[in-house]
Amino acid sequence: MTINKNVEKYLWILGVLFVTCLLLGSFIISKNVLELAYLAILYSSLIAIKLVSLKK
């Protein structure tokens, strides 16, 4: 059970890092500020979800 939770945790971290790299790469290539807004929305939603789950 512990191994499955660790695998899920690391896959989640890798997924977030992958999306971050894609959005940053897209911003660098296109110079579109909207890509940074997407990144800010992604991280703000992740932080909000983490804070809500800690309160429960």
PDB file of N, CA and C in Angstrom:
ATOM      1  N   MET A   1       0.823  -1.194   0.000  1.00  0.00           N
ATOM      2  CA  MET A   1       0.000   0.000   0.000  1.00  0.00           C
ATOM      3  C   MET A   1       0.868   1.260   0.000  1.00  0.00           C
ATOM      4  N   THR A   2       1.940   1.246   0.773  1.00  0.00           N
ATOM      5  CA  THR A   2       2.819   2.408   0.842  1.00  0.00           C
ATOM      6  C   THR A   2       3.500   2.660  -0.496  1.00  0.00           C
ATOM      7  N   ILE A   3       3.889   1.592  -1.165  1.00  0.00           N
ATOM      8  CA  ILE A   3       4.559   1.745  -2.458  1.00  0.00           C
ATOM      9  C   ILE A   3       3.606   2.377  -3.467  1.00  0.00           C
ATOM     10  N   ASN A   4       2.344   1.993  -3.447  1.00  0.00           N
ATOM     11  CA  ASN A   4       1.368   2.576  -4.375  1.00  0.00           C
ATOM     12  C   ASN A   4       1.181   4.061  -4.108  1.00  0.00           C
ATOM     13  N   LYS A   5       1.136   4.459  -2.836  1.00  0.00           N
ATOM     14  CA  LYS A   5       0.971   5.876  -2.513  1.00  0.00           C
ATOM     15  C   LYS A   5       2.195   6.667  -2.959  1.00  0.00           C
ATOM     16  N   ASN A   6       3.391   6.093  -2.782  1.00  0.00           N
ATOM     17  CA  ASN A   6       4.601   6.782  -3.221  1.00  0.00           C
ATOM     18  C   ASN A   6       4.622   6.927  -4.737  1.00  0.00           C
ATOM     19  N   VAL A   7       4.221   5.893  -5.444  1.00  0.00           N
ATOM     20  CA  VAL A   7       4.195   5.948  -6.905  1.00  0.00           C
ATOM     21  C   VAL A   7       3.200   6.998  -7.367  1.00  0.00           C
ATOM     22  N   GLU A   8       2.018   7.029  -6.749  1.00  0.00           N
ATOM     23  CA  GLU A   8       1.014   8.035  -7.113  1.00  0.00           C
ATOM     24  C   GLU A   8       1.535   9.443  -6.844  1.00  0.00           C
ATOM     25  N   LYS A   9       2.202   9.609  -5.726  1.00  0.00           N
ATOM     26  CA  LYS A   9       2.745  10.929  -5.358  1.00  0.00           C
ATOM     27  C   LYS A   9       3.778  11.389  -6.387  1.00  0.00           C
ATOM     28  N   TYR A  10       4.706  10.494  -6.745  1.00  0.00           N
ATOM     29  CA  TYR A  10       5.750  10.874  -7.684  1.00  0.00           C
ATOM     30  C   TYR A  10       5.219  11.058  -9.103  1.00  0.00           C
ATOM     31  N   LEU A  11       4.222  10.276  -9.486  1.00  0.00           N
ATOM     32  CA  LEU A  11       3.604  10.488 -10.792  1.00  0.00           C
ATOM     33  C   LEU A  11       2.886  11.829 -10.855  1.00  0.00           C
ATOM     34  N   TRP A  12       2.240  12.225  -9.759  1.00  0.00           N
ATOM     35  CA  TRP A  12       1.570  13.518  -9.690  1.00  0.00           C
ATOM     36  C   TRP A  12       2.594  14.648  -9.817  1.00  0.00           C
ATOM     37  N   ILE A  13       3.718  14.521  -9.109  1.00  0.00           N
ATOM     38  CA  ILE A  13       4.768  15.543  -9.177  1.00  0.00           C
ATOM     39  C   ILE A  13       5.340  15.611 -10.589  1.00  0.00           C
ATOM     40  N   LEU A  14       5.599  14.472 -11.195  1.00  0.00           N
ATOM     41  CA  LEU A  14       6.117  14.462 -12.560  1.00  0.00           C
ATOM     42  C   LEU A  14       5.129  15.065 -13.552  1.00  0.00           C
ATOM     43  N   GLY A  15       3.849  14.803 -13.347  1.00  0.00           N
ATOM     44  CA  GLY A  15       2.826  15.384 -14.226  1.00  0.00           C
ATOM     45  C   GLY A  15       2.788  16.900 -14.126  1.00  0.00           C
ATOM     46  N   VAL A  16       2.857  17.417 -12.909  1.00  0.00           N
ATOM     47  CA  VAL A  16       2.842  18.864 -12.712  1.00  0.00           C
ATOM     48  C   VAL A  16       4.102  19.486 -13.303  1.00  0.00           C
ATOM     49  N   LEU A  17       5.250  18.849 -13.108  1.00  0.00           N
ATOM     50  CA  LEU A  17       6.487  19.367 -13.696  1.00  0.00           C
ATOM     51  C   LEU A  17       6.437  19.344 -15.218  1.00  0.00           C
ATOM     52  N   PHE A  18       5.845  18.308 -15.788  1.00  0.00           N
ATOM     53  CA  PHE A  18       5.732  18.209 -17.238  1.00  0.00           C
ATOM     54  C   PHE A  18       4.867  19.329 -17.798  1.00  0.00           C
ATOM     55  N   VAL A  19       3.719  19.569 -17.176  1.00  0.00           N
ATOM     56  CA  VAL A  19       2.832  20.645 -17.627  1.00  0.00           C
ATOM     57  C   VAL A  19       3.518  22.001 -17.449  1.00  0.00           C
ATOM     58  N   THR A  20       4.266  22.170 -16.362  1.00  0.00           N
ATOM     59  CA  THR A  20       4.999  23.413 -16.138  1.00  0.00           C
ATOM     60  C   THR A  20       6.014  23.644 -17.245  1.00  0.00           C
ATOM     61  N   CYS A  21       6.768  22.607 -17.588  1.00  0.00           N
ATOM     62  CA  CYS A  21       7.758  22.739 -18.664  1.00  0.00           C
ATOM     63  C   CYS A  21       7.089  23.057 -20.002  1.00  0.00           C
ATOM     64  N   LEU A  22       5.954  22.427 -20.269  1.00  0.00           N
ATOM     65  CA  LEU A  22       5.246  22.714 -21.518  1.00  0.00           C
ATOM     66  C   LEU A  22       4.770  24.164 -21.573  1.00  0.00           C
ATOM     67  N   LEU A  23       4.200  24.652 -20.475  1.00  0.00           N
ATOM     68  CA  LEU A  23       3.704  26.030 -20.468  1.00  0.00           C
ATOM     69  C   LEU A  23       4.848  27.040 -20.539  1.00  0.00           C
ATOM     70  N   LEU A  24       5.942  26.774 -19.839  1.00  0.00           N
ATOM     71  CA  LEU A  24       7.084  27.686 -19.913  1.00  0.00           C
ATOM     72  C   LEU A  24       7.714  27.675 -21.301  1.00  0.00           C
ATOM     73  N   GLY A  25       7.826  26.492 -21.892  1.00  0.00           N
ATOM     74  CA  GLY A  25       8.373  26.399 -23.244  1.00  0.00           C
ATOM     75  C   GLY A  25       7.492  27.112 -24.249  1.00  0.00           C
ATOM     76  N   SER A  26       6.202  26.967 -24.101  1.00  0.00           N
ATOM     77  CA  SER A  26       5.273  27.652 -24.995  1.00  0.00           C
ATOM     78  C   SER A  26       5.376  29.162 -24.826  1.00  0.00           C
ATOM     79  N   PHE A  27       5.547  29.621 -23.585  1.00  0.00           N
ATOM     80  CA  PHE A  27       5.704  31.057 -23.356  1.00  0.00           C
ATOM     81  C   PHE A  27       6.989  31.570 -23.982  1.00  0.00           C
ATOM     82  N   ILE A  28       8.072  30.828 -23.840  1.00  0.00           N
ATOM     83  CA  ILE A  28       9.360  31.263 -24.390  1.00  0.00           C
ATOM     84  C   ILE A  28       9.290  31.364 -25.906  1.00  0.00           C
ATOM     85  N   ILE A  29       8.626  30.406 -26.531  1.00  0.00           N
ATOM     86  CA  ILE A  29       8.558  30.399 -27.992  1.00  0.00           C
ATOM     87  C   ILE A  29       7.593  31.462 -28.512  1.00  0.00           C
ATOM     88  N   SER A  30       6.405  31.564 -27.916  1.00  0.00           N
ATOM     89  CA  SER A  30       5.383  32.444 -28.474  1.00  0.00           C
ATOM     90  C   SER A  30       5.361  33.838 -27.855  1.00  0.00           C
ATOM     91  N   LYS A  31       5.999  34.008 -26.714  1.00  0.00           N
ATOM     92  CA  LYS A  31       5.983  35.281 -25.972  1.00  0.00           C
ATOM     93  C   LYS A  31       4.558  35.736 -25.663  1.00  0.00           C
ATOM     94  N   ASN A  32       3.674  34.759 -25.453  1.00  0.00           N
ATOM     95  CA  ASN A  32       2.279  35.041 -25.143  1.00  0.00           C
ATOM     96  C   ASN A  32       2.109  35.024 -23.623  1.00  0.00           C
ATOM     97  N   VAL A  33       1.667  36.147 -23.070  1.00  0.00           N
ATOM     98  CA  VAL A  33       1.524  36.277 -21.627  1.00  0.00           C
ATOM     99  C   VAL A  33       0.414  35.371 -21.093  1.00  0.00           C
ATOM    100  N   LEU A  34      -0.489  34.974 -21.960  1.00  0.00           N
ATOM    101  CA  LEU A  34      -1.575  34.092 -21.551  1.00  0.00           C
ATOM    102  C   LEU A  34      -1.046  32.750 -21.036  1.00  0.00           C
ATOM    103  N   GLU A  35       0.088  32.300 -21.572  1.00  0.00           N
ATOM    104  CA  GLU A  35       0.696  31.054 -21.095  1.00  0.00           C
ATOM    105  C   GLU A  35       1.119  31.183 -19.637  1.00  0.00           C
ATOM    106  N   LEU A  36       1.639  32.329 -19.259  1.00  0.00           N
ATOM    107  CA  LEU A  36       2.001  32.553 -17.851  1.00  0.00           C
ATOM    108  C   LEU A  36       0.763  32.624 -16.980  1.00  0.00           C
ATOM    109  N   ALA A  37      -0.321  33.151 -17.526  1.00  0.00           N
ATOM    110  CA  ALA A  37      -1.572  33.189 -16.765  1.00  0.00           C
ATOM    111  C   ALA A  37      -2.070  31.766 -16.512  1.00  0.00           C
ATOM    112  N   TYR A  38      -1.960  30.897 -17.514  1.00  0.00           N
ATOM    113  CA  TYR A  38      -2.343  29.501 -17.327  1.00  0.00           C
ATOM    114  C   TYR A  38      -1.493  28.849 -16.239  1.00  0.00           C
ATOM    115  N   LEU A  39      -0.210  29.158 -16.238  1.00  0.00           N
ATOM    116  CA  LEU A  39       0.686  28.597 -15.232  1.00  0.00           C
ATOM    117  C   LEU A  39       0.331  29.102 -13.837  1.00  0.00           C
ATOM    118  N   ALA A  40       0.006  30.380 -13.736  1.00  0.00           N
ATOM    119  CA  ALA A  40      -0.394  30.944 -12.450  1.00  0.00           C
ATOM    120  C   ALA A  40      -1.706  30.327 -11.972  1.00  0.00           C
ATOM    121  N   ILE A  41      -2.636  30.121 -12.886  1.00  0.00           N
ATOM    122  CA  ILE A  41      -3.913  29.481 -12.524  1.00  0.00           C
ATOM    123  C   ILE A  41      -3.671  28.047 -12.071  1.00  0.00           C
ATOM    124  N   LEU A  42      -2.808  27.333 -12.758  1.00  0.00           N
ATOM    125  CA  LEU A  42      -2.491  25.951 -12.385  1.00  0.00           C
ATOM    126  C   LEU A  42      -1.946  25.889 -10.969  1.00  0.00           C
ATOM    127  N   TYR A  43      -0.937  26.710 -10.666  1.00  0.00           N
ATOM    128  CA  TYR A  43      -0.324  26.649  -9.350  1.00  0.00           C
ATOM    129  C   TYR A  43      -1.229  27.201  -8.255  1.00  0.00           C
ATOM    130  N   SER A  44      -2.008  28.218  -8.561  1.00  0.00           N
ATOM    131  CA  SER A  44      -2.922  28.730  -7.539  1.00  0.00           C
ATOM    132  C   SER A  44      -4.014  27.712  -7.212  1.00  0.00           C
ATOM    133  N   SER A  45      -4.491  26.986  -8.222  1.00  0.00           N
ATOM    134  CA  SER A  45      -5.494  25.956  -7.950  1.00  0.00           C
ATOM    135  C   SER A  45      -4.889  24.797  -7.173  1.00  0.00           C
ATOM    136  N   LEU A  46      -3.661  24.417  -7.482  1.00  0.00           N
ATOM    137  CA  LEU A  46      -3.003  23.351  -6.731  1.00  0.00           C
ATOM    138  C   LEU A  46      -2.804  23.736  -5.271  1.00  0.00           C
ATOM    139  N   ILE A  47      -2.406  24.975  -5.031  1.00  0.00           N
ATOM    140  CA  ILE A  47      -2.210  25.446  -3.660  1.00  0.00           C
ATOM    141  C   ILE A  47      -3.540  25.514  -2.927  1.00  0.00           C
ATOM    142  N   ALA A  48      -4.576  25.992  -3.588  1.00  0.00           N
ATOM    143  CA  ALA A  48      -5.898  26.078  -2.950  1.00  0.00           C
ATOM    144  C   ALA A  48      -6.422  24.690  -2.595  1.00  0.00           C
ATOM    145  N   ILE A  49      -6.257  23.730  -3.488  1.00  0.00           N
ATOM    146  CA  ILE A  49      -6.713  22.366  -3.225  1.00  0.00           C
ATOM    147  C   ILE A  49      -5.935  21.766  -2.056  1.00  0.00           C
ATOM    148  N   LYS A  50      -4.643  22.023  -2.013  1.00  0.00           N
ATOM    149  CA  LYS A  50      -3.813  21.493  -0.916  1.00  0.00           C
ATOM    150  C   LYS A  50      -4.246  22.099   0.409  1.00  0.00           C
ATOM    151  N   LEU A  51      -4.527  23.415   0.444  1.00  0.00           N
ATOM    152  CA  LEU A  51      -4.945  24.063   1.678  1.00  0.00           C
ATOM    153  C   LEU A  51      -6.307  23.556   2.142  1.00  0.00           C
ATOM    154  N   VAL A  52      -7.220  23.345   1.220  1.00  0.00           N
ATOM    155  CA  VAL A  52      -8.544  22.840   1.585  1.00  0.00           C
ATOM    156  C   VAL A  52      -8.433  21.414   2.114  1.00  0.00           C
ATOM    157  N   SER A  53      -7.576  20.613   1.511  1.00  0.00           N
ATOM    158  CA  SER A  53      -7.444  19.230   1.976  1.00  0.00           C
ATOM    159  C   SER A  53      -6.754  19.149   3.332  1.00  0.00           C
ATOM    160  N   LEU A  54      -5.914  20.117   3.670  1.00  0.00           N
ATOM    161  CA  LEU A  54      -5.255  20.126   4.971  1.00  0.00           C
ATOM    162  C   LEU A  54      -6.232  20.505   6.078  1.00  0.00           C
ATOM    163  N   LYS A  55      -7.237  21.307   5.762  1.00  0.00           N
ATOM    164  CA  LYS A  55      -8.214  21.736   6.778  1.00  0.00           C
ATOM    165  C   LYS A  55      -9.153  20.614   7.181  1.00  0.00           C
ATOM    166  N   LYS A  56      -9.339  19.629   6.304  1.00  0.00           N
ATOM    167  CA  LYS A  56     -10.278  18.533   6.600  1.00  0.00           C
ATOM    168  C   LYS A  56      -9.689  17.525   7.530  1.00  0.00           C
TER     169      LYS A  56
END
